[in-house]
Amino acid sequence: MKYDAVVIGSGIAGITFARTYNKYGKKIAIVEKSRLGGTAISTGCLPVKVHKDNLLDFLKSKKVVKSYGVDLNINLNDVYKRGREKILGLQACIEDELEGIDLYFGDGEFLDRNTFKVGEEHLLSEIFVLATGTSPVVLKNCKRAISHKELIDLENLPQELLIVGGGVEAVEIADIYSSYGVKIDMVFREVDILQDSDTDLKNSLVERLRTKNVNFYCEDDITDALEDGDKIKAITAKGNIIKADYLLYTSIRKLNKINGLEDLAIICDENKIHVDNNLKTSVENIYAIGDVNGMLGMAHVAYNQGLSLAKYLCTGKEINKNYSSLPRSIFTLQEISGIGKNENDLKTEDYKVSKVNLRNLYRGYAKELDGFAKLIYRDNELLGYWIVSDNSSDLMADSALWFDGGCTLEKISQSLFINPSLLEVLPELYLKSIKGDE
């Protein structure tokens, strides 16, 4: 079968490319060896957020009902199962998105630069897009040593979970699952969780985790682990012995290799496939997008690359990989979202900070909203913008449009913001900047 393009991998990068390329009237196929959606949509990022939203809906409902003197006596495992049902429905949603695109399932291989074999099918194309992503690295030969993939697939909540790592993935899972009632232990090499984040951005998270009796084993690491009946027993470098139902590895990932790639002389190393500014590999007609090319490893970057590559191939417009400001969010129960630099990035530079408590906004008061926003600036220039609050990712989602466009304090002061709304935090931050105080 001949196609205008064949995509290997159906994560968010591959799906976005395929959908966009198809919109340009191109005939396209996707090859997937497992389930549709990859880490971002099916086995990691989105499923964890589904559990977060599902849990928050329950906790907020419980709080409201209790204010009327009624208790919600619902088992948290039943709440978890409701979230899991939503996750299981994601495959149908993805299939609907891919209407008009041919899907092939299986672990295929390149026969040459224009031919990919999957099963008995030979897919021919002048353009191939590699979007196979990365996979988590876990302890081998131990069924209770798992990654996010196996965690998401659990039918019931574990009682105890030992998390290796203190980064974004680790803290998201720790915050959500401890609120589901799971006993959490965390072992990480750094002095603190989210090592590169500003202290004020993570203070409430640390306090919340400690309130839920999450144990931190900092500046430590797992040196050995073995199954002990229906548990796993881990031994740390400091001599701590920790038992849990599962040992969850986070953060460390490896490249998903593609059969036949070495024979095509595509330049790659252990962690990435090398690409040029237009995401082309060392082979003229083969491109690599998403985590597989080693750029940042974030779903919104992968989405952007899929869209940009399709546009480039159809219009010839050069790809602009502007990742300097990089809007990002940590999806803990109270989200940490930002764009640009944080204070840790600016240790040796001059800058000022304005802060506003979101409860002091009229809309924040009405919503009984906890959290704050801070603006980092120098003179009239915006350096960074951060919000810690419920659903702060929604407030930050379009920030690249104006932040990358050269927004300044002066432009904020001249702009209109709907009243009452949470976006009024920006002019309030400007007012704080007049005196240069927090």
Protein backbone atom coordinates (compact mmCIF):
# COMPACT_ATOMS: atom_id res chain seq x y z
CA MET A 1 0.00 0.00 0.00
CA LYS A 2 1.39 3.41 -0.96
CA TYR A 3 0.92 6.52 1.19
CA ASP A 4 1.93 10.18 1.11
CA ALA A 5 3.39 9.63 4.59
CA VAL A 6 3.69 6.82 7.11
CA VAL A 7 3.95 7.56 10.82
CA ILE A 8 5.60 5.05 13.14
CA GLY A 9 4.04 5.53 16.58
CA SER A 10 0.69 6.93 17.71
CA GLY A 11 1.64 9.16 20.63
CA ILE A 12 0.64 12.80 20.69
CA ALA A 13 3.37 13.78 18.20
CA GLY A 14 2.41 11.11 15.65
CA ILE A 15 -1.33 11.63 16.03
CA THR A 16 -1.04 15.40 15.67
CA PHE A 17 1.14 15.08 12.55
CA ALA A 18 -1.24 12.54 11.00
CA ARG A 19 -4.36 14.60 11.69
CA THR A 20 -2.74 17.80 10.36
CA TYR A 21 -1.26 16.15 7.26
CA ASN A 22 -4.61 14.52 6.57
CA LYS A 23 -6.28 17.96 6.72
CA TYR A 24 -4.03 18.97 3.81
CA GLY A 25 -5.64 16.16 1.77
CA LYS A 26 -2.79 13.67 2.15
CA LYS A 27 -3.16 9.90 2.37
CA ILE A 28 -1.55 8.73 5.58
CA ALA A 29 -1.04 5.63 7.71
CA ILE A 30 -0.05 5.11 11.35
CA VAL A 31 1.76 2.04 12.63
CA GLU A 32 1.37 1.24 16.34
CA LYS A 33 2.71 -1.82 18.14
CA SER A 34 0.69 -1.35 21.33
CA ARG A 35 -2.28 0.87 22.25
CA LEU A 36 -3.11 4.16 20.57
CA GLY A 37 -2.08 7.36 22.31
CA GLY A 38 1.36 6.62 23.72
CA THR A 39 2.52 7.97 27.08
CA ALA A 40 0.90 11.41 26.79
CA ILE A 41 -2.62 10.24 26.06
CA SER A 42 -3.00 6.59 27.11
CA THR A 43 -0.44 5.40 29.65
CA GLY A 44 0.91 8.37 31.58
CA CYS A 45 0.29 12.10 31.36
CA LEU A 46 -3.43 12.33 30.57
CA PRO A 47 -4.53 9.29 32.65
CA VAL A 48 -2.84 10.76 35.72
CA LYS A 49 -4.69 14.05 35.09
CA VAL A 50 -7.96 12.14 34.67
CA HIS A 51 -7.42 10.68 38.12
CA LYS A 52 -6.58 14.14 39.45
CA ASP A 53 -9.76 15.73 38.08
CA ASN A 54 -11.85 12.75 39.14
CA LEU A 55 -10.49 12.91 42.69
CA LEU A 56 -10.87 16.69 42.97
CA ASP A 57 -14.51 16.48 41.82
CA PHE A 58 -15.16 14.00 44.63
CA LEU A 59 -13.25 15.95 47.30
CA LYS A 60 -14.99 19.23 46.41
CA SER A 61 -18.41 17.57 46.36
CA LYS A 62 -17.68 16.00 49.73
CA LYS A 63 -16.68 19.41 51.14
CA VAL A 64 -19.82 21.12 49.83
CA VAL A 65 -22.14 18.37 51.08
CA LYS A 66 -20.44 18.41 54.49
CA SER A 67 -21.07 22.16 54.77
CA TYR A 68 -24.77 21.25 54.77
CA GLY A 69 -24.24 18.74 57.56
CA VAL A 70 -24.21 15.62 55.39
CA ASP A 71 -21.35 13.11 55.04
CA LEU A 72 -20.50 11.34 51.78
CA ASN A 73 -19.59 7.79 52.78
CA ILE A 74 -18.07 6.61 49.51
CA ASN A 75 -15.14 4.20 49.33
CA LEU A 76 -12.11 5.84 47.73
CA ASN A 77 -11.42 2.71 45.70
CA ASP A 78 -14.83 3.22 44.05
CA VAL A 79 -13.82 6.81 43.26
CA TYR A 80 -10.60 5.45 41.75
CA LYS A 81 -12.53 2.94 39.63
CA ARG A 82 -14.69 5.73 38.25
CA GLY A 83 -11.54 7.53 37.10
CA ARG A 84 -10.25 4.30 35.59
CA GLU A 85 -13.44 3.90 33.55
CA LYS A 86 -12.84 7.32 32.01
CA ILE A 87 -9.28 6.29 31.12
CA LEU A 88 -10.47 3.10 29.45
CA GLY A 89 -12.71 5.23 27.22
CA LEU A 90 -9.75 7.15 25.80
CA GLN A 91 -9.06 4.59 23.04
CA ALA A 92 -12.46 5.22 21.44
CA CYS A 93 -11.84 8.98 21.58
CA ILE A 94 -8.50 8.58 19.78
CA GLU A 95 -10.00 6.33 17.11
CA ASP A 96 -12.65 8.98 16.41
CA GLU A 97 -9.92 11.60 15.97
CA LEU A 98 -8.14 9.38 13.44
CA GLU A 99 -11.08 8.88 11.10
CA GLY A 100 -9.82 8.74 7.51
CA ILE A 101 -6.33 7.60 8.57
CA ASP A 102 -5.30 3.95 8.07
CA LEU A 103 -4.14 2.16 11.22
CA TYR A 104 -1.79 -0.82 11.31
CA PHE A 105 -1.02 -2.67 14.53
CA GLY A 106 2.16 -4.66 15.07
CA ASP A 107 5.91 -4.40 15.59
CA GLY A 108 7.21 -3.67 12.10
CA GLU A 109 10.56 -2.96 10.50
CA PHE A 110 12.18 -0.85 7.79
CA LEU A 111 13.15 -2.85 4.71
CA ASP A 112 14.61 0.24 3.07
CA ARG A 113 14.15 4.01 3.32
CA ASN A 114 10.85 3.84 1.41
CA THR A 115 9.37 0.59 2.73
CA PHE A 116 8.10 -0.41 6.15
CA LYS A 117 6.79 -3.91 6.79
CA VAL A 118 4.17 -4.62 9.47
CA GLY A 119 2.71 -8.10 9.54
CA GLU A 120 2.25 -9.11 5.93
CA GLU A 121 1.73 -5.52 4.76
CA HIS A 122 4.39 -3.49 2.95
CA LEU A 123 3.81 0.24 3.43
CA LEU A 124 5.44 2.39 0.77
CA SER A 125 6.05 6.13 1.07
CA GLU A 126 8.36 8.98 0.14
CA ILE A 127 8.02 10.33 3.71
CA PHE A 128 8.35 8.49 7.03
CA VAL A 129 7.84 10.13 10.40
CA LEU A 130 9.34 8.48 13.47
CA ALA A 131 7.24 9.20 16.55
CA THR A 132 7.89 6.17 18.75
CA GLY A 133 8.75 8.13 21.90
CA THR A 134 10.52 6.73 24.93
CA SER A 135 9.79 4.12 27.60
CA PRO A 136 10.38 4.12 31.36
CA VAL A 137 13.33 2.19 32.76
CA VAL A 138 12.42 -0.17 35.62
CA LEU A 139 14.06 -2.98 37.56
CA LYS A 140 14.03 -6.13 35.43
CA ASN A 141 12.69 -9.54 36.47
CA CYS A 142 10.54 -8.12 39.26
CA LYS A 143 6.81 -7.90 38.56
CA ARG A 144 6.24 -5.53 41.51
CA ALA A 145 8.72 -3.02 40.10
CA ILE A 146 6.54 -0.96 37.78
CA SER A 147 6.25 2.23 35.74
CA HIS A 148 3.32 4.58 35.14
CA LYS A 149 2.05 2.13 32.50
CA GLU A 150 1.42 -0.67 34.98
CA LEU A 151 0.23 1.75 37.68
CA ILE A 152 -2.49 3.13 35.41
CA ASP A 153 -3.59 -0.42 34.55
CA LEU A 154 -4.15 -1.50 38.17
CA GLU A 155 -7.79 -2.44 38.69
CA ASN A 156 -7.70 -1.48 42.36
CA LEU A 157 -5.71 0.98 44.44
CA PRO A 158 -2.55 -0.36 46.08
CA GLN A 159 -2.30 0.05 49.83
CA GLU A 160 1.36 1.11 49.77
CA LEU A 161 3.44 2.62 46.97
CA LEU A 162 7.17 3.33 46.99
CA ILE A 163 8.09 6.00 44.43
CA VAL A 164 11.65 6.38 43.14
CA GLY A 165 12.33 9.97 42.13
CA GLY A 166 11.38 13.47 43.23
CA GLY A 167 10.61 15.09 39.89
CA VAL A 168 7.37 16.13 38.21
CA GLU A 169 6.00 12.65 37.54
CA ALA A 170 6.84 11.50 41.06
CA VAL A 171 5.18 14.38 42.89
CA GLU A 172 2.05 14.30 40.72
CA ILE A 173 1.50 10.63 41.49
CA ALA A 174 2.42 11.07 45.17
CA ASP A 175 -0.08 13.91 45.66
CA ILE A 176 -2.93 12.21 43.79
CA TYR A 177 -2.52 8.69 45.12
CA SER A 178 -1.94 9.78 48.72
CA SER A 179 -5.27 11.64 48.45
CA TYR A 180 -6.79 8.36 47.29
CA GLY A 181 -5.63 6.98 50.64
CA VAL A 182 -2.51 5.15 49.45
CA LYS A 183 0.49 5.15 51.83
CA ILE A 184 3.34 6.78 49.92
CA ASP A 185 7.11 6.65 50.44
CA MET A 186 9.45 8.64 48.16
CA VAL A 187 13.15 7.97 47.64
CA PHE A 188 15.14 10.52 45.66
CA ARG A 189 18.78 11.54 45.23
CA GLU A 190 18.26 15.28 45.58
CA VAL A 191 18.00 17.38 48.73
CA ASP A 192 14.34 18.14 48.05
CA ILE A 193 11.54 17.34 45.62
CA LEU A 194 11.33 19.46 42.46
CA GLN A 195 14.93 20.48 43.02
CA ASP A 196 15.00 23.20 40.36
CA SER A 197 11.71 24.86 41.37
CA ASP A 198 11.51 28.00 43.51
CA THR A 199 10.85 27.27 47.16
CA ASP A 200 7.71 29.41 47.32
CA LEU A 201 6.21 27.55 44.33
CA LYS A 202 6.47 24.16 46.01
CA ASN A 203 5.98 25.07 49.68
CA SER A 204 2.27 24.24 49.74
CA LEU A 205 2.91 20.94 47.94
CA VAL A 206 5.57 19.87 50.44
CA GLU A 207 3.30 20.81 53.34
CA ARG A 208 0.35 18.96 51.79
CA LEU A 209 2.39 15.78 51.22
CA ARG A 210 3.71 15.83 54.78
CA THR A 211 0.18 16.34 56.12
CA LYS A 212 -0.82 13.17 54.28
CA ASN A 213 2.14 11.34 55.92
CA VAL A 214 4.15 10.96 52.73
CA ASN A 215 7.66 9.93 53.80
CA PHE A 216 10.66 11.59 52.13
CA TYR A 217 13.95 9.67 51.90
CA CYS A 218 16.07 12.47 50.46
CA GLU A 219 19.67 12.19 49.22
CA ASP A 220 19.15 8.44 49.01
CA ASP A 221 18.65 5.81 46.32
CA ILE A 222 17.41 2.25 45.87
CA THR A 223 20.35 -0.18 45.77
CA ASP A 224 18.43 -3.45 45.82
CA ALA A 225 14.86 -4.68 45.63
CA LEU A 226 13.31 -8.13 45.86
CA GLU A 227 9.84 -9.57 45.97
CA ASP A 228 8.67 -10.58 49.43
CA GLY A 229 5.41 -12.50 49.10
CA ASP A 230 2.76 -10.06 47.90
CA LYS A 231 5.07 -7.11 48.66
CA ILE A 232 8.35 -5.72 47.40
CA LYS A 233 11.20 -4.95 49.78
CA ALA A 234 13.61 -2.18 48.81
CA ILE A 235 16.97 -1.42 50.41
CA THR A 236 18.41 2.09 50.09
CA ALA A 237 21.98 3.37 50.03
CA LYS A 238 21.50 4.74 53.56
CA GLY A 239 20.37 1.34 54.82
CA ASN A 240 16.63 2.03 54.93
CA ILE A 241 14.39 -0.99 54.32
CA ILE A 242 11.02 -0.07 52.82
CA LYS A 243 8.18 -2.44 52.00
CA ALA A 244 5.33 -1.65 49.62
CA ASP A 245 2.88 -3.27 47.24
CA TYR A 246 4.74 -1.79 44.30
CA LEU A 247 7.99 0.01 43.57
CA LEU A 248 7.27 2.77 41.04
CA TYR A 249 10.14 4.09 38.93
CA THR A 250 9.80 7.61 37.52
CA SER A 251 11.80 10.01 35.34
CA ILE A 252 14.42 7.66 33.82
CA ARG A 253 13.49 6.81 30.23
CA LYS A 254 15.04 5.11 27.21
CA LEU A 255 14.62 5.50 23.46
CA ASN A 256 12.11 3.20 21.77
CA LYS A 257 14.15 1.64 18.99
CA ILE A 258 12.68 0.78 15.57
CA ASN A 259 13.63 -2.41 13.76
CA GLY A 260 15.76 -1.84 10.68
CA LEU A 261 16.74 1.70 11.64
CA GLU A 262 20.44 0.88 12.00
CA ASP A 263 20.60 -0.40 8.41
CA LEU A 264 19.41 2.99 7.16
CA ALA A 265 22.40 4.74 8.77
CA ILE A 266 20.21 7.16 10.70
CA ILE A 267 22.37 9.00 13.22
CA CYS A 268 21.19 8.33 16.76
CA ASP A 269 22.59 7.60 20.18
CA GLU A 270 21.25 5.89 23.29
CA ASN A 271 18.88 8.75 24.13
CA LYS A 272 17.73 10.34 20.88
CA ILE A 273 17.55 10.38 17.12
CA HIS A 274 19.42 13.39 15.80
CA VAL A 275 17.45 15.87 13.69
CA ASP A 276 18.07 19.20 11.98
CA ASN A 277 16.11 22.45 12.42
CA ASN A 278 13.24 21.05 10.37
CA LEU A 279 13.13 17.78 12.32
CA LYS A 280 14.73 15.79 9.49
CA THR A 281 17.04 12.90 10.37
CA SER A 282 20.30 12.13 8.58
CA VAL A 283 18.23 10.29 5.97
CA GLU A 284 16.62 12.70 3.52
CA ASN A 285 13.00 11.46 3.63
CA ILE A 286 12.76 10.41 7.30
CA TYR A 287 11.79 12.77 10.13
CA ALA A 288 11.66 12.34 13.91
CA ILE A 289 9.24 14.17 16.21
CA GLY A 290 8.34 14.12 19.89
CA ASP A 291 10.34 12.51 22.68
CA VAL A 292 12.27 10.35 20.24
CA ASN A 293 14.38 13.35 19.11
CA GLY A 294 15.39 14.22 22.67
CA MET A 295 14.01 17.77 22.74
CA LEU A 296 12.59 18.47 26.21
CA GLY A 297 10.31 15.42 26.45
CA MET A 298 7.08 17.34 26.98
CA ALA A 299 3.71 16.56 25.42
CA HIS A 300 2.97 20.11 24.27
CA VAL A 301 6.36 20.25 22.54
CA ALA A 302 5.56 16.95 20.80
CA TYR A 303 2.15 18.30 19.73
CA ASN A 304 3.77 21.44 18.33
CA GLN A 305 6.36 19.43 16.41
CA GLY A 306 3.70 17.22 14.84
CA LEU A 307 1.69 20.21 13.67
CA SER A 308 4.77 22.16 12.53
CA LEU A 309 6.25 19.30 10.53
CA ALA A 310 3.02 18.67 8.63
CA LYS A 311 2.78 22.36 7.83
CA TYR A 312 6.44 22.44 6.71
CA LEU A 313 6.03 19.45 4.38
CA CYS A 314 2.90 20.92 2.81
CA THR A 315 3.82 24.60 2.62
CA GLY A 316 7.61 24.71 2.87
CA LYS A 317 7.41 27.05 5.87
CA GLU A 318 10.50 26.59 8.03
CA ILE A 319 9.90 25.22 11.52
CA ASN A 320 10.37 27.68 14.37
CA LYS A 321 11.38 25.75 17.47
CA ASN A 322 11.03 28.56 20.00
CA TYR A 323 11.18 26.73 23.32
CA SER A 324 12.93 29.43 25.34
CA SER A 325 9.89 30.56 27.34
CA LEU A 326 8.36 27.06 27.52
CA PRO A 327 4.99 27.26 29.32
CA ARG A 328 4.68 24.30 31.68
CA SER A 329 2.59 22.88 34.50
CA ILE A 330 2.98 20.42 37.32
CA PHE A 331 -0.43 18.74 37.72
CA THR A 332 -0.51 18.19 41.45
CA LEU A 333 -3.86 18.77 43.19
CA GLN A 334 -2.95 22.44 43.45
CA GLU A 335 -1.17 23.02 40.16
CA ILE A 336 2.16 24.80 39.69
CA SER A 337 2.26 26.54 36.30
CA GLY A 338 4.57 29.03 34.69
CA ILE A 339 6.34 30.45 31.68
CA GLY A 340 9.80 31.86 31.28
CA LYS A 341 12.38 31.86 34.05
CA ASN A 342 11.97 31.22 37.75
CA GLU A 343 14.05 32.81 40.49
CA ASN A 344 16.43 29.85 40.64
CA ASP A 345 17.33 30.52 37.01
CA LEU A 346 18.25 34.14 37.86
CA LYS A 347 20.41 33.69 40.95
CA THR A 348 23.25 35.85 39.63
CA GLU A 349 21.08 38.44 37.88
CA ASP A 350 19.14 41.52 38.95
CA TYR A 351 15.37 41.14 38.96
CA LYS A 352 12.27 42.08 40.92
CA VAL A 353 9.20 40.10 41.98
CA SER A 354 5.53 41.04 42.38
CA LYS A 355 3.10 38.67 44.11
CA VAL A 356 -0.68 38.61 44.42
CA ASN A 357 -2.78 36.28 46.56
CA LEU A 358 -5.56 34.97 44.31
CA ARG A 359 -8.08 35.14 47.16
CA ASN A 360 -7.63 38.94 47.04
CA LEU A 361 -9.14 39.05 43.55
CA TYR A 362 -12.93 39.49 43.47
CA ARG A 363 -13.29 36.32 41.40
CA GLY A 364 -10.80 34.48 43.60
CA TYR A 365 -12.83 35.47 46.67
CA ALA A 366 -16.04 34.19 45.05
CA LYS A 367 -14.36 30.88 44.21
CA GLU A 368 -12.71 30.63 47.66
CA LEU A 369 -9.51 30.12 45.73
CA ASP A 370 -6.19 29.47 47.45
CA GLY A 371 -2.81 30.16 45.89
CA PHE A 372 -0.86 33.04 44.42
CA ALA A 373 0.67 34.45 41.26
CA LYS A 374 4.09 36.00 40.87
CA LEU A 375 5.64 38.06 38.14
CA ILE A 376 9.42 38.18 37.73
CA TYR A 377 10.64 41.22 35.83
CA ARG A 378 13.53 43.60 35.15
CA ASP A 379 12.63 47.21 34.42
CA ASN A 380 9.79 46.87 31.87
CA GLU A 381 10.73 43.35 30.71
CA LEU A 382 8.85 40.23 31.81
CA LEU A 383 11.20 37.39 32.75
CA GLY A 384 8.80 34.87 34.23
CA TYR A 385 5.17 34.42 35.28
CA TRP A 386 4.03 31.73 37.75
CA ILE A 387 0.77 30.66 39.35
CA VAL A 388 0.18 28.14 42.15
CA SER A 389 -3.54 27.35 42.36
CA ASP A 390 -6.34 25.03 41.32
CA ASN A 391 -6.31 24.63 37.52
CA SER A 392 -3.52 27.18 37.07
CA SER A 393 -2.64 25.39 33.82
CA ASP A 394 -5.84 26.82 32.31
CA LEU A 395 -4.73 30.34 33.22
CA MET A 396 -1.29 29.68 31.74
CA ALA A 397 -2.35 27.73 28.62
CA ASP A 398 -2.24 30.66 26.16
CA SER A 399 0.61 32.52 27.86
CA ALA A 400 3.08 31.83 25.05
CA LEU A 401 0.95 33.95 22.68
CA TRP A 402 1.63 37.13 24.64
CA PHE A 403 4.82 36.26 26.52
CA ASP A 404 6.73 35.30 23.36
CA GLY A 405 5.20 38.33 21.63
CA GLY A 406 7.18 40.69 23.84
CA CYS A 407 4.57 41.58 26.43
CA THR A 408 5.82 44.15 28.94
CA LEU A 409 4.60 45.70 32.18
CA GLU A 410 3.51 48.71 30.17
CA LYS A 411 1.41 46.57 27.80
CA ILE A 412 -0.29 44.92 30.78
CA SER A 413 -1.18 48.34 32.18
CA GLN A 414 -2.73 49.37 28.84
CA SER A 415 -4.79 46.20 28.31
CA LEU A 416 -8.38 45.39 29.24
CA PHE A 417 -9.22 42.40 31.42
CA ILE A 418 -12.74 41.09 32.04
CA ASN A 419 -14.09 41.95 35.47
CA PRO A 420 -14.53 39.94 37.55
CA SER A 421 -12.07 37.31 36.32
CA LEU A 422 -8.94 35.58 37.53
CA LEU A 423 -6.97 37.15 34.68
CA GLU A 424 -7.20 40.42 36.59
CA VAL A 425 -4.23 39.04 38.46
CA LEU A 426 -2.03 40.53 35.71
CA PRO A 427 -2.98 44.21 36.23
CA GLU A 428 -2.85 43.56 39.99
CA LEU A 429 0.71 42.30 39.59
CA TYR A 430 1.46 45.46 37.60
CA LEU A 431 0.14 47.59 40.49
CA LYS A 432 2.48 45.76 42.85
CA SER A 433 5.39 46.45 40.49
CA ILE A 434 4.91 50.24 40.76
CA LYS A 435 6.41 50.14 44.22
CA GLY A 436 8.62 47.19 43.38
CA ASP A 437 7.36 45.22 46.35
CA GLU A 438 5.92 41.75 46.77
